[in-house]
N, C-alpha and C. Protein backbone atom coordinates (compact mmCIF):
# COMPACT_ATOMS: atom_id res chain seq x y z
N MET A 1 -114.97 -61.08 -155.74
CA MET A 1 -115.76 -60.25 -154.99
C MET A 1 -117.47 -60.49 -155.09
N PRO A 2 -117.83 -60.48 -156.48
CA PRO A 2 -119.31 -60.53 -156.55
C PRO A 2 -119.74 -61.80 -155.86
N LEU A 3 -119.13 -62.97 -156.03
CA LEU A 3 -119.46 -64.25 -155.66
C LEU A 3 -119.84 -64.17 -154.20
N ILE A 4 -118.80 -63.59 -153.56
CA ILE A 4 -118.75 -63.30 -151.92
C ILE A 4 -120.17 -62.57 -151.70
N MET A 5 -120.37 -61.31 -152.40
CA MET A 5 -121.67 -60.53 -152.07
C MET A 5 -122.90 -61.32 -152.18
N GLY A 6 -123.07 -62.20 -153.44
CA GLY A 6 -123.90 -62.81 -153.51
C GLY A 6 -124.35 -63.93 -152.63
N MET A 7 -123.34 -64.56 -152.45
CA MET A 7 -123.82 -65.70 -151.42
C MET A 7 -124.08 -65.15 -150.09
N SER A 8 -123.30 -64.10 -149.64
CA SER A 8 -123.61 -63.25 -148.40
C SER A 8 -125.33 -63.17 -148.38
N VAL A 9 -125.92 -62.59 -149.60
CA VAL A 9 -127.12 -62.14 -149.31
C VAL A 9 -127.92 -63.45 -149.25
N LEU A 10 -127.48 -64.53 -149.97
CA LEU A 10 -128.31 -65.74 -149.97
C LEU A 10 -128.21 -66.26 -148.31
N LEU A 11 -127.07 -66.22 -148.14
CA LEU A 11 -127.03 -66.78 -146.54
C LEU A 11 -127.67 -65.79 -145.44
N ALA A 12 -127.75 -64.42 -145.74
CA ALA A 12 -128.45 -63.53 -144.69
C ALA A 12 -129.93 -63.82 -144.82
N CYS A 13 -130.39 -63.97 -146.09
CA CYS A 13 -132.10 -64.33 -146.23
C CYS A 13 -132.18 -65.69 -145.52
N GLN A 14 -131.74 -66.45 -145.81
CA GLN A 14 -131.66 -67.72 -145.14
C GLN A 14 -131.45 -67.74 -143.42
N PHE A 15 -130.63 -67.11 -142.82
CA PHE A 15 -130.29 -66.84 -141.59
C PHE A 15 -131.54 -65.93 -141.09
N ALA A 16 -132.07 -64.86 -141.73
CA ALA A 16 -133.26 -64.27 -141.34
C ALA A 16 -134.61 -65.18 -141.42
N GLY A 17 -134.56 -66.02 -142.28
CA GLY A 17 -135.92 -67.02 -142.25
C GLY A 17 -135.70 -67.88 -141.26
N GLU A 18 -134.48 -68.40 -140.64
CA GLU A 18 -134.44 -69.33 -139.61
C GLU A 18 -134.90 -68.51 -138.59
N LEU A 19 -134.15 -67.28 -138.23
CA LEU A 19 -134.52 -66.62 -137.11
C LEU A 19 -136.05 -66.26 -137.06
N LEU A 20 -136.72 -66.15 -138.06
CA LEU A 20 -138.20 -65.74 -138.12
C LEU A 20 -138.97 -67.24 -137.77
N ALA A 21 -138.52 -68.27 -138.29
CA ALA A 21 -139.13 -69.70 -138.16
C ALA A 21 -138.99 -70.07 -136.45
N ARG A 22 -137.92 -69.74 -135.93
CA ARG A 22 -137.71 -70.15 -134.77
C ARG A 22 -138.24 -69.38 -133.63
N GLY A 23 -138.15 -68.00 -134.07
CA GLY A 23 -138.73 -67.00 -133.32
C GLY A 23 -140.24 -66.97 -132.90
N LEU A 24 -141.05 -67.15 -134.02
CA LEU A 24 -142.27 -67.16 -134.27
C LEU A 24 -143.01 -68.60 -134.09
N GLU A 25 -142.14 -69.71 -134.08
CA GLU A 25 -142.50 -71.09 -133.93
C GLU A 25 -143.32 -71.50 -135.08
N VAL A 26 -143.20 -71.18 -135.90
CA VAL A 26 -144.22 -71.55 -137.20
C VAL A 26 -143.79 -72.55 -137.74
N PRO A 27 -144.59 -73.56 -138.31
CA PRO A 27 -144.25 -74.75 -139.17
C PRO A 27 -143.76 -74.59 -140.34
N ILE A 28 -143.07 -73.65 -140.67
CA ILE A 28 -142.41 -73.42 -141.99
C ILE A 28 -140.81 -73.33 -141.70
N PRO A 29 -140.30 -74.17 -142.62
CA PRO A 29 -138.84 -74.15 -142.66
C PRO A 29 -138.07 -72.73 -142.92
N GLY A 30 -137.04 -72.55 -142.21
CA GLY A 30 -136.34 -71.27 -142.19
C GLY A 30 -135.87 -71.06 -143.70
N PRO A 31 -135.53 -71.94 -144.37
CA PRO A 31 -135.09 -71.65 -145.62
C PRO A 31 -135.96 -71.29 -146.56
N VAL A 32 -137.27 -71.85 -146.35
CA VAL A 32 -138.47 -71.42 -147.24
C VAL A 32 -138.86 -69.84 -147.01
N LEU A 33 -138.84 -69.56 -145.54
CA LEU A 33 -138.97 -68.25 -145.06
C LEU A 33 -137.96 -67.37 -145.63
N GLY A 34 -136.87 -68.02 -145.72
CA GLY A 34 -135.57 -67.04 -146.19
C GLY A 34 -135.78 -66.76 -147.83
N MET A 35 -136.25 -67.57 -148.54
CA MET A 35 -136.59 -67.65 -149.97
C MET A 35 -137.75 -66.46 -150.06
N VAL A 36 -138.69 -66.35 -149.30
CA VAL A 36 -139.84 -65.34 -149.12
C VAL A 36 -139.07 -64.14 -148.84
N ILE A 37 -138.38 -63.86 -147.77
CA ILE A 37 -137.71 -62.71 -147.69
C ILE A 37 -136.96 -62.29 -149.08
N LEU A 38 -136.17 -63.20 -149.58
CA LEU A 38 -135.55 -62.90 -150.81
C LEU A 38 -136.25 -62.35 -151.99
N LEU A 39 -137.42 -63.05 -152.11
CA LEU A 39 -138.45 -62.52 -153.03
C LEU A 39 -138.97 -61.21 -153.00
N VAL A 40 -139.13 -60.84 -151.69
CA VAL A 40 -139.71 -59.57 -151.43
C VAL A 40 -138.66 -58.51 -151.58
N GLY A 41 -137.51 -58.74 -151.11
CA GLY A 41 -136.47 -57.82 -151.33
C GLY A 41 -136.16 -57.61 -152.77
N LEU A 42 -136.27 -58.81 -153.71
CA LEU A 42 -135.99 -58.43 -154.92
C LEU A 42 -136.99 -57.79 -155.78
N GLY A 43 -138.35 -57.89 -155.23
CA GLY A 43 -139.58 -57.33 -155.70
C GLY A 43 -139.40 -55.82 -155.44
N ILE A 44 -139.05 -55.39 -154.35
CA ILE A 44 -138.92 -53.95 -153.88
C ILE A 44 -137.64 -53.34 -154.79
N ARG A 45 -136.67 -54.24 -154.72
CA ARG A 45 -135.78 -53.42 -155.66
C ARG A 45 -135.85 -53.44 -157.17
N GLY A 46 -136.81 -54.47 -157.67
CA GLY A 46 -137.01 -54.54 -158.99
C GLY A 46 -136.26 -55.09 -159.97
N LYS A 47 -135.06 -55.52 -159.63
CA LYS A 47 -134.13 -56.32 -160.42
C LYS A 47 -133.40 -57.14 -159.63
N VAL A 48 -132.78 -57.99 -160.23
CA VAL A 48 -131.59 -58.86 -159.51
C VAL A 48 -130.10 -58.26 -159.41
N PRO A 49 -129.35 -58.01 -158.51
CA PRO A 49 -128.20 -57.74 -158.77
C PRO A 49 -127.34 -58.33 -159.13
N ALA A 50 -126.10 -58.13 -160.28
CA ALA A 50 -125.46 -58.91 -160.76
C ALA A 50 -124.71 -60.16 -159.86
N SER A 51 -124.37 -59.37 -158.74
CA SER A 51 -123.49 -60.43 -158.01
C SER A 51 -124.65 -61.75 -157.61
N LEU A 52 -125.65 -61.59 -157.27
CA LEU A 52 -126.62 -62.43 -156.83
C LEU A 52 -126.97 -63.37 -158.25
N ARG A 53 -127.11 -62.50 -159.29
CA ARG A 53 -127.47 -63.42 -160.57
C ARG A 53 -126.15 -64.21 -160.73
N MET A 54 -124.83 -63.91 -160.65
CA MET A 54 -123.88 -64.70 -160.76
C MET A 54 -123.68 -65.89 -159.86
N THR A 55 -123.86 -65.60 -158.61
CA THR A 55 -124.08 -66.71 -157.61
C THR A 55 -125.22 -67.70 -157.75
N GLY A 56 -126.38 -67.05 -158.11
CA GLY A 56 -127.24 -68.05 -158.29
C GLY A 56 -127.03 -68.94 -159.68
N GLU A 57 -126.60 -68.29 -160.68
CA GLU A 57 -126.45 -69.36 -161.73
C GLU A 57 -125.05 -70.34 -161.45
N GLY A 58 -124.21 -69.83 -160.66
CA GLY A 58 -123.16 -70.68 -160.40
C GLY A 58 -124.04 -72.03 -159.58
N LEU A 59 -124.81 -71.72 -158.64
CA LEU A 59 -125.41 -72.72 -157.76
C LEU A 59 -126.14 -73.62 -158.73
N LEU A 60 -126.86 -72.99 -159.74
CA LEU A 60 -127.63 -73.86 -160.55
C LEU A 60 -126.93 -74.55 -161.59
N ASN A 61 -125.65 -74.22 -161.99
CA ASN A 61 -124.95 -75.22 -162.77
C ASN A 61 -124.41 -76.19 -162.10
N HIS A 62 -124.28 -76.45 -160.70
CA HIS A 62 -123.97 -77.60 -159.92
C HIS A 62 -125.15 -78.11 -159.26
N LEU A 63 -126.23 -77.92 -159.53
CA LEU A 63 -127.34 -78.30 -158.74
C LEU A 63 -127.53 -79.83 -158.66
N THR A 64 -126.87 -80.55 -159.62
CA THR A 64 -127.11 -81.98 -159.39
C THR A 64 -126.38 -82.53 -158.32
N LEU A 65 -125.17 -81.74 -157.90
CA LEU A 65 -124.44 -82.21 -156.58
C LEU A 65 -125.32 -82.16 -155.46
N LEU A 66 -126.37 -81.33 -155.28
CA LEU A 66 -127.14 -81.10 -154.28
C LEU A 66 -127.90 -82.40 -153.81
N PHE A 67 -128.17 -83.23 -155.23
CA PHE A 67 -129.07 -84.41 -155.06
C PHE A 67 -128.34 -85.52 -154.41
N VAL A 68 -127.01 -85.62 -154.26
CA VAL A 68 -126.20 -86.51 -153.88
C VAL A 68 -126.50 -86.98 -152.42
N PRO A 69 -126.59 -86.12 -151.42
CA PRO A 69 -127.00 -86.49 -150.40
C PRO A 69 -128.50 -87.06 -150.21
N ALA A 70 -129.61 -86.71 -150.90
CA ALA A 70 -130.73 -87.34 -151.00
C ALA A 70 -130.67 -88.59 -151.50
N GLY A 71 -129.91 -89.26 -152.52
CA GLY A 71 -129.76 -90.26 -153.09
C GLY A 71 -129.02 -91.14 -152.13
N VAL A 72 -127.89 -90.88 -151.37
CA VAL A 72 -127.59 -91.73 -150.33
C VAL A 72 -128.38 -91.77 -149.34
N GLY A 73 -129.37 -90.87 -148.97
CA GLY A 73 -130.46 -91.14 -147.80
C GLY A 73 -131.31 -92.34 -148.43
N LEU A 74 -131.65 -92.18 -149.70
CA LEU A 74 -132.67 -93.19 -150.35
C LEU A 74 -132.00 -94.61 -150.17
N MET A 75 -130.59 -94.70 -150.52
CA MET A 75 -129.79 -95.93 -150.46
C MET A 75 -129.87 -96.68 -148.84
N VAL A 76 -129.56 -95.37 -147.90
CA VAL A 76 -129.32 -96.13 -146.72
C VAL A 76 -130.65 -96.44 -146.09
N HIS A 77 -131.61 -95.75 -146.33
CA HIS A 77 -133.05 -96.00 -145.59
C HIS A 77 -133.84 -96.82 -146.55
N ALA A 78 -133.38 -97.48 -147.49
CA ALA A 78 -134.22 -98.22 -148.51
C ALA A 78 -135.11 -99.44 -147.65
N ARG A 79 -134.69 -99.94 -146.79
CA ARG A 79 -135.81 -100.88 -146.01
C ARG A 79 -136.91 -100.20 -145.43
N LEU A 80 -136.67 -98.91 -144.68
CA LEU A 80 -137.69 -98.17 -144.13
C LEU A 80 -138.48 -97.78 -145.20
N ILE A 81 -138.23 -97.20 -146.37
CA ILE A 81 -138.76 -96.56 -147.45
C ILE A 81 -139.86 -97.87 -148.01
N GLY A 82 -139.19 -99.12 -147.96
CA GLY A 82 -139.98 -100.19 -148.48
C GLY A 82 -141.30 -100.74 -147.68
N LEU A 83 -140.89 -100.53 -146.27
CA LEU A 83 -141.90 -100.48 -145.55
C LEU A 83 -143.25 -99.82 -145.61
N ASP A 84 -142.98 -98.31 -146.01
CA ASP A 84 -144.01 -97.52 -146.22
C ASP A 84 -144.16 -97.09 -147.80
N LEU A 85 -143.76 -98.01 -148.57
CA LEU A 85 -144.02 -97.62 -150.21
C LEU A 85 -145.16 -97.35 -150.57
N LEU A 86 -146.38 -98.01 -150.02
CA LEU A 86 -147.84 -97.57 -150.69
C LEU A 86 -148.06 -96.23 -150.49
N PRO A 87 -147.90 -95.75 -149.06
CA PRO A 87 -148.34 -94.29 -148.83
C PRO A 87 -147.45 -93.42 -149.45
N ILE A 88 -146.31 -93.90 -149.63
CA ILE A 88 -145.27 -92.82 -150.37
C ILE A 88 -145.72 -92.82 -151.85
N ALA A 89 -146.04 -93.73 -152.39
CA ALA A 89 -146.38 -93.78 -153.75
C ALA A 89 -147.74 -93.14 -153.94
N VAL A 90 -148.70 -93.47 -153.22
CA VAL A 90 -150.13 -92.55 -153.17
C VAL A 90 -149.91 -91.01 -153.08
N THR A 91 -149.08 -90.64 -152.07
CA THR A 91 -148.74 -89.46 -151.85
C THR A 91 -148.05 -88.78 -153.10
N LEU A 92 -147.23 -89.34 -153.56
CA LEU A 92 -146.47 -88.89 -154.65
C LEU A 92 -147.22 -88.81 -156.04
N VAL A 93 -148.14 -89.77 -156.25
CA VAL A 93 -149.03 -89.72 -157.44
C VAL A 93 -150.11 -88.55 -157.11
N GLY A 94 -150.48 -88.62 -155.98
CA GLY A 94 -151.62 -87.73 -155.65
C GLY A 94 -151.21 -86.27 -155.74
N SER A 95 -150.02 -85.88 -155.11
CA SER A 95 -149.60 -84.67 -155.02
C SER A 95 -149.38 -84.10 -156.57
N THR A 96 -148.67 -84.98 -157.32
CA THR A 96 -148.46 -84.71 -158.76
C THR A 96 -149.65 -84.26 -159.60
N ALA A 97 -150.79 -85.37 -159.25
CA ALA A 97 -152.01 -85.10 -160.00
C ALA A 97 -152.50 -83.73 -159.64
N LEU A 98 -152.60 -83.59 -158.38
CA LEU A 98 -153.05 -82.17 -157.87
C LEU A 98 -152.31 -80.87 -158.51
N THR A 99 -151.02 -81.03 -158.40
CA THR A 99 -150.22 -80.12 -159.14
C THR A 99 -150.47 -79.85 -160.31
N LEU A 100 -150.51 -80.86 -161.38
CA LEU A 100 -151.05 -80.79 -162.69
C LEU A 100 -152.21 -80.13 -162.78
N ALA A 101 -153.18 -80.56 -161.96
CA ALA A 101 -154.69 -79.90 -162.21
C ALA A 101 -154.64 -78.35 -161.97
N VAL A 102 -153.96 -78.26 -160.85
CA VAL A 102 -153.95 -76.52 -160.54
C VAL A 102 -153.04 -75.79 -161.45
N THR A 103 -152.15 -76.31 -161.93
CA THR A 103 -151.28 -75.73 -163.01
C THR A 103 -151.98 -75.41 -164.28
N GLY A 104 -152.67 -76.60 -164.57
CA GLY A 104 -153.73 -76.41 -165.94
C GLY A 104 -154.67 -75.53 -165.56
N TRP A 105 -155.19 -75.22 -164.36
CA TRP A 105 -156.45 -74.36 -164.09
C TRP A 105 -155.77 -72.87 -164.24
N VAL A 106 -154.64 -72.78 -163.79
CA VAL A 106 -154.29 -71.50 -163.66
C VAL A 106 -153.95 -71.10 -165.23
N LEU A 107 -153.18 -71.89 -165.56
CA LEU A 107 -152.84 -71.73 -167.11
C LEU A 107 -154.21 -71.28 -167.87
N GLU A 108 -155.08 -71.86 -167.95
CA GLU A 108 -156.27 -71.59 -168.51
C GLU A 108 -157.00 -70.53 -168.14
N ARG A 109 -156.88 -70.05 -166.92
CA ARG A 109 -157.43 -68.73 -166.31
C ARG A 109 -156.67 -67.73 -167.14
N LEU A 110 -155.27 -67.73 -167.00
CA LEU A 110 -154.30 -66.83 -167.41
C LEU A 110 -154.49 -66.53 -168.98
N GLN A 111 -154.88 -67.63 -169.93
CA GLN A 111 -155.15 -67.69 -170.99
C GLN A 111 -156.36 -66.96 -171.59
N ARG A 112 -157.33 -67.07 -170.73
CA ARG A 112 -158.51 -66.59 -170.78
C ARG A 112 -158.56 -65.10 -170.73
N ARG A 113 -157.68 -64.50 -169.64
CA ARG A 113 -157.38 -63.29 -169.51
C ARG A 113 -156.94 -62.49 -170.72
N GLN A 114 -155.97 -63.05 -171.31
CA GLN A 114 -155.15 -62.60 -172.53
C GLN A 114 -155.94 -62.50 -173.75
N ARG A 115 -156.91 -63.33 -174.18
CA ARG A 115 -157.98 -63.37 -175.36
C ARG A 115 -158.64 -62.02 -175.10
N PRO A 116 -158.75 -61.41 -176.32
CA PRO A 116 -159.46 -60.09 -176.23
C PRO A 116 -161.20 -60.48 -175.94
N GLY A 117 -161.69 -59.80 -174.87
CA GLY A 117 -162.84 -60.06 -174.23
C GLY A 117 -162.99 -61.09 -173.44
N GLY A 118 -161.77 -61.77 -173.22
CA GLY A 118 -161.79 -62.97 -172.35
C GLY A 118 -161.76 -62.95 -170.78
N GLU A 119 -162.07 -61.70 -170.32
CA GLU A 119 -162.20 -61.15 -168.97
C GLU A 119 -163.44 -61.95 -168.44
N SER A 120 -163.12 -62.36 -167.22
CA SER A 120 -164.41 -63.19 -166.59
C SER A 120 -164.63 -62.67 -165.27
């Protein structure tokens, strides 16, 4: 029963996110809005319910299975990807570099805050 409750919470949040995305016509995917709804709900509650934790851990244990459709898509559309390989590669390298730079900057700021007298 806990797995059913946990999955129901996850699906309800995703459904609410889809409703919000389509109702407000925002360019954000419904599942992303659903995760935000879930985050806000967990923040208000202050802890993760056991049923949701069990469901989440079960999904994470089998996360690699979720990459199968993406891998099949890569194989099926290899020719299309090959046509746009340069823009894809530039985007991947650029976004990775930007992510590393922002992560390093945030880490440096957080470490500066933790040091005595490091407030800026």
